[in-house]
Amino acid sequence: MRVAFAADHAGWLLRARVLDELAAGGHELVDCGTPEPVPGDDYPDAAAAVASAITTGRAERGILTCGSGVGACIAANKVVGIRAAMCHDSFSARQGVEDDNMNILCLGARVIGAELAAELVRDFLGARFSGAERHRRRLGKISAMERR
């Protein structure tokens, strides 16, 4: 799977472990970040880059890391077609895809450790949207909200 990734300066702490996990899973990295941490950079820029990779078809899913995961999640969800969620537990990382067709996983580098981040990446990327009628109906309602 092609997976877009970016981190702001605070999310940089998880970068190496997330990229290692992508490689171990045989995923293709679409690196939307900077080659070095940039002090004072802004998480909306990272979120915009990953969201763009998904909406243009360069990536199927994305992962964002910032300090808490919250800011990147808020910013990513401003883009039509993006369903980002901040997850700090395995159930949410998996269920968010299965039921809600989540396409960006947001992680807080100041909240969780590297090994939990790797587990969440595996759960997120290993999950598939169920396509159940009730979930498709709910996603249709979200799409209608985006069009308003």
C-alpha atoms as a PDB file:
ATOM      1  CA  MET A   1       0.000   0.000   0.000  1.00  0.00           C
ATOM      2  CA  ARG A   2       1.205   3.544  -0.734  1.00  0.00           C
ATOM      3  CA  VAL A   3       1.258   5.460   2.554  1.00  0.00           C
ATOM      4  CA  ALA A   4       1.892   9.192   2.890  1.00  0.00           C
ATOM      5  CA  PHE A   5       3.706  10.356   6.007  1.00  0.00           C
ATOM      6  CA  ALA A   6       4.643  13.689   7.529  1.00  0.00           C
ATOM      7  CA  ALA A   7       5.574  14.985  10.965  1.00  0.00           C
ATOM      8  CA  ASP A   8       5.988  18.403  12.443  1.00  0.00           C
ATOM      9  CA  HIS A   9       8.924  19.108  14.764  1.00  0.00           C
ATOM     10  CA  ALA A  10       7.110  17.623  17.784  1.00  0.00           C
ATOM     11  CA  GLY A  11       6.005  14.530  15.864  1.00  0.00           C
ATOM     12  CA  TRP A  12       9.522  13.876  14.620  1.00  0.00           C
ATOM     13  CA  LEU A  13      10.129  11.633  17.661  1.00  0.00           C
ATOM     14  CA  LEU A  14       8.001   8.896  16.063  1.00  0.00           C
ATOM     15  CA  ARG A  15       9.229   9.303  12.493  1.00  0.00           C
ATOM     16  CA  ALA A  16      11.955   6.642  12.435  1.00  0.00           C
ATOM     17  CA  ARG A  17       9.804   3.977  14.102  1.00  0.00           C
ATOM     18  CA  VAL A  18       6.801   4.669  11.862  1.00  0.00           C
ATOM     19  CA  LEU A  19       8.969   4.520   8.728  1.00  0.00           C
ATOM     20  CA  ASP A  20      10.591   1.286   9.945  1.00  0.00           C
ATOM     21  CA  GLU A  21       7.127  -0.212  10.418  1.00  0.00           C
ATOM     22  CA  LEU A  22       6.046   0.842   6.934  1.00  0.00           C
ATOM     23  CA  ALA A  23       9.137  -0.778   5.441  1.00  0.00           C
ATOM     24  CA  ALA A  24       8.689  -3.959   7.501  1.00  0.00           C
ATOM     25  CA  GLY A  25       5.109  -4.230   6.249  1.00  0.00           C
ATOM     26  CA  GLY A  26       6.201  -3.860   2.625  1.00  0.00           C
ATOM     27  CA  HIS A  27       4.427  -0.539   2.194  1.00  0.00           C
ATOM     28  CA  GLU A  28       5.566   2.158  -0.212  1.00  0.00           C
ATOM     29  CA  LEU A  29       6.390   5.442   1.517  1.00  0.00           C
ATOM     30  CA  VAL A  30       5.176   8.711   0.056  1.00  0.00           C
ATOM     31  CA  ASP A  31       7.295  11.052   2.160  1.00  0.00           C
ATOM     32  CA  CYS A  32       5.507  14.369   2.511  1.00  0.00           C
ATOM     33  CA  GLY A  33       7.787  15.706   5.206  1.00  0.00           C
ATOM     34  CA  THR A  34      11.163  17.289   5.544  1.00  0.00           C
ATOM     35  CA  PRO A  35      14.457  15.353   5.679  1.00  0.00           C
ATOM     36  CA  GLU A  36      15.321  16.970   9.034  1.00  0.00           C
ATOM     37  CA  PRO A  37      13.184  18.351  11.846  1.00  0.00           C
ATOM     38  CA  VAL A  38      12.372  22.018  11.348  1.00  0.00           C
ATOM     39  CA  PRO A  39      12.007  23.886  14.648  1.00  0.00           C
ATOM     40  CA  GLY A  40       8.857  25.959  14.694  1.00  0.00           C
ATOM     41  CA  ASP A  41       7.256  24.351  11.667  1.00  0.00           C
ATOM     42  CA  ASP A  42       3.478  24.091  11.643  1.00  0.00           C
ATOM     43  CA  TYR A  43       1.402  20.904  11.746  1.00  0.00           C
ATOM     44  CA  PRO A  44      -1.209  22.270   9.280  1.00  0.00           C
ATOM     45  CA  ASP A  45       1.467  22.179   6.577  1.00  0.00           C
ATOM     46  CA  ALA A  46       2.219  18.518   7.291  1.00  0.00           C
ATOM     47  CA  ALA A  47      -1.500  17.724   7.340  1.00  0.00           C
ATOM     48  CA  ALA A  48      -2.098  19.524   4.042  1.00  0.00           C
ATOM     49  CA  ALA A  49       0.728  17.614   2.373  1.00  0.00           C
ATOM     50  CA  VAL A  50      -0.504  14.190   3.494  1.00  0.00           C
ATOM     51  CA  ALA A  51      -4.131  15.032   2.701  1.00  0.00           C
ATOM     52  CA  SER A  52      -3.122  16.179  -0.775  1.00  0.00           C
ATOM     53  CA  ALA A  53      -1.248  12.926  -1.390  1.00  0.00           C
ATOM     54  CA  ILE A  54      -4.449  11.031  -0.629  1.00  0.00           C
ATOM     55  CA  THR A  55      -6.904  13.237  -2.499  1.00  0.00           C
ATOM     56  CA  THR A  56      -4.716  13.256  -5.618  1.00  0.00           C
ATOM     57  CA  GLY A  57      -4.252   9.475  -5.533  1.00  0.00           C
ATOM     58  CA  ARG A  58      -0.520   9.480  -4.818  1.00  0.00           C
ATOM     59  CA  ALA A  59      -1.235   7.548  -1.604  1.00  0.00           C
ATOM     60  CA  GLU A  60      -4.032   5.315  -0.389  1.00  0.00           C
ATOM     61  CA  ARG A  61      -3.684   6.210   3.290  1.00  0.00           C
ATOM     62  CA  GLY A  62      -1.676   8.585   5.429  1.00  0.00           C
ATOM     63  CA  ILE A  63      -0.038   8.920   8.811  1.00  0.00           C
ATOM     64  CA  LEU A  64       0.579  12.205  10.592  1.00  0.00           C
ATOM     65  CA  THR A  65       2.510  12.797  13.797  1.00  0.00           C
ATOM     66  CA  CYS A  66       2.573  15.943  15.872  1.00  0.00           C
ATOM     67  CA  GLY A  67       2.956  16.547  19.596  1.00  0.00           C
ATOM     68  CA  SER A  68      -0.514  15.463  20.692  1.00  0.00           C
ATOM     69  CA  GLY A  69      -2.009  14.208  17.433  1.00  0.00           C
ATOM     70  CA  VAL A  70      -4.896  16.635  17.912  1.00  0.00           C
ATOM     71  CA  GLY A  71      -3.714  19.559  15.788  1.00  0.00           C
ATOM     72  CA  ALA A  72      -2.740  17.411  12.817  1.00  0.00           C
ATOM     73  CA  CYS A  73      -6.108  15.645  13.038  1.00  0.00           C
ATOM     74  CA  ILE A  74      -8.073  18.884  13.094  1.00  0.00           C
ATOM     75  CA  ALA A  75      -6.125  20.283  10.154  1.00  0.00           C
ATOM     76  CA  ALA A  76      -6.373  17.136   8.026  1.00  0.00           C
ATOM     77  CA  ASN A  77     -10.134  16.924   8.504  1.00  0.00           C
ATOM     78  CA  LYS A  78     -10.551  20.348   6.888  1.00  0.00           C
ATOM     79  CA  VAL A  79      -9.779  18.739   3.522  1.00  0.00           C
ATOM     80  CA  VAL A  80     -12.780  17.320   1.656  1.00  0.00           C
ATOM     81  CA  GLY A  81     -12.565  13.551   1.427  1.00  0.00           C
ATOM     82  CA  ILE A  82     -10.257  13.138   4.397  1.00  0.00           C
ATOM     83  CA  ARG A  83     -11.329  11.070   7.369  1.00  0.00           C
ATOM     84  CA  ALA A  84      -8.550  11.481   9.899  1.00  0.00           C
ATOM     85  CA  ALA A  85      -8.601  10.274  13.479  1.00  0.00           C
ATOM     86  CA  MET A  86      -6.236  10.530  16.385  1.00  0.00           C
ATOM     87  CA  CYS A  87      -5.748   7.055  17.794  1.00  0.00           C
ATOM     88  CA  HIS A  88      -3.841   5.980  20.849  1.00  0.00           C
ATOM     89  CA  ASP A  89      -5.335   2.483  21.125  1.00  0.00           C
ATOM     90  CA  SER A  90      -5.453  -0.521  18.786  1.00  0.00           C
ATOM     91  CA  PHE A  91      -9.233  -0.848  18.704  1.00  0.00           C
ATOM     92  CA  SER A  92      -9.713   2.705  17.379  1.00  0.00           C
ATOM     93  CA  ALA A  93      -6.925   2.360  14.808  1.00  0.00           C
ATOM     94  CA  ARG A  94      -8.547  -0.791  13.390  1.00  0.00           C
ATOM     95  CA  GLN A  95     -12.224   0.053  13.866  1.00  0.00           C
ATOM     96  CA  GLY A  96     -11.760   3.529  12.412  1.00  0.00           C
ATOM     97  CA  VAL A  97     -10.952   1.913   9.093  1.00  0.00           C
ATOM     98  CA  GLU A  98     -13.433  -0.979   9.283  1.00  0.00           C
ATOM     99  CA  ASP A  99     -16.457   1.168  10.155  1.00  0.00           C
ATOM    100  CA  ASP A 100     -15.550   4.733   9.173  1.00  0.00           C
ATOM    101  CA  ASN A 101     -13.146   4.207   6.256  1.00  0.00           C
ATOM    102  CA  MET A 102     -10.565   6.364   8.046  1.00  0.00           C
ATOM    103  CA  ASN A 103      -7.778   7.291   5.658  1.00  0.00           C
ATOM    104  CA  ILE A 104      -5.338   9.175   7.929  1.00  0.00           C
ATOM    105  CA  LEU A 105      -4.008   7.992  11.272  1.00  0.00           C
ATOM    106  CA  CYS A 106      -2.854  10.800  13.583  1.00  0.00           C
ATOM    107  CA  LEU A 107      -0.453  10.037  16.417  1.00  0.00           C
ATOM    108  CA  GLY A 108       0.798  12.131  19.310  1.00  0.00           C
ATOM    109  CA  ALA A 109       4.536  11.761  19.812  1.00  0.00           C
ATOM    110  CA  ARG A 110       4.311  13.375  23.247  1.00  0.00           C
ATOM    111  CA  VAL A 111       1.497  11.016  24.241  1.00  0.00           C
ATOM    112  CA  ILE A 112       2.515   7.526  23.106  1.00  0.00           C
ATOM    113  CA  GLY A 113       5.772   5.649  22.719  1.00  0.00           C
ATOM    114  CA  ALA A 114       7.383   4.321  19.587  1.00  0.00           C
ATOM    115  CA  GLU A 115       6.321   0.690  20.059  1.00  0.00           C
ATOM    116  CA  LEU A 116       2.670   1.573  20.569  1.00  0.00           C
ATOM    117  CA  ALA A 117       2.896   3.803  17.499  1.00  0.00           C
ATOM    118  CA  ALA A 118       4.219   0.849  15.487  1.00  0.00           C
ATOM    119  CA  GLU A 119       1.355  -1.342  16.727  1.00  0.00           C
ATOM    120  CA  LEU A 120      -1.195   1.308  15.751  1.00  0.00           C
ATOM    121  CA  VAL A 121       0.350   1.641  12.298  1.00  0.00           C
ATOM    122  CA  ARG A 122       0.057  -2.138  11.822  1.00  0.00           C
ATOM    123  CA  ASP A 123      -3.566  -2.124  12.991  1.00  0.00           C
ATOM    124  CA  PHE A 124      -4.475   0.858  10.793  1.00  0.00           C
ATOM    125  CA  LEU A 125      -2.825  -0.490   7.659  1.00  0.00           C
ATOM    126  CA  GLY A 126      -4.011  -4.052   8.228  1.00  0.00           C
ATOM    127  CA  ALA A 127      -7.676  -3.061   8.511  1.00  0.00           C
ATOM    128  CA  ARG A 128     -10.111  -2.903   5.599  1.00  0.00           C
ATOM    129  CA  PHE A 129     -13.383  -1.002   5.293  1.00  0.00           C
ATOM    130  CA  SER A 130     -16.267  -3.426   5.843  1.00  0.00           C
ATOM    131  CA  GLY A 131     -18.532  -1.803   3.263  1.00  0.00           C
ATOM    132  CA  ALA A 132     -21.552  -2.618   5.424  1.00  0.00           C
ATOM    133  CA  GLU A 133     -24.677  -0.739   4.382  1.00  0.00           C
ATOM    134  CA  ARG A 134     -24.956   1.195   7.648  1.00  0.00           C
ATOM    135  CA  HIS A 135     -21.352   2.376   7.330  1.00  0.00           C
ATOM    136  CA  ARG A 136     -21.789   3.396   3.698  1.00  0.00           C
ATOM    137  CA  ARG A 137     -24.961   5.295   4.688  1.00  0.00           C
ATOM    138  CA  ARG A 138     -23.107   7.174   7.422  1.00  0.00           C
ATOM    139  CA  LEU A 139     -20.232   8.024   5.105  1.00  0.00           C
ATOM    140  CA  GLY A 140     -22.781   9.349   2.621  1.00  0.00           C
ATOM    141  CA  LYS A 141     -24.065  11.688   5.304  1.00  0.00           C
ATOM    142  CA  ILE A 142     -20.517  12.887   5.976  1.00  0.00           C
ATOM    143  CA  SER A 143     -20.019  13.531   2.244  1.00  0.00           C
ATOM    144  CA  ALA A 144     -23.264  15.531   2.207  1.00  0.00           C
ATOM    145  CA  MET A 145     -21.971  17.621   5.106  1.00  0.00           C
ATOM    146  CA  GLU A 146     -18.791  18.336   3.129  1.00  0.00           C
ATOM    147  CA  ARG A 147     -20.817  19.561   0.155  1.00  0.00           C
ATOM    148  CA  ARG A 148     -22.726  22.119   2.226  1.00  0.00           C
END
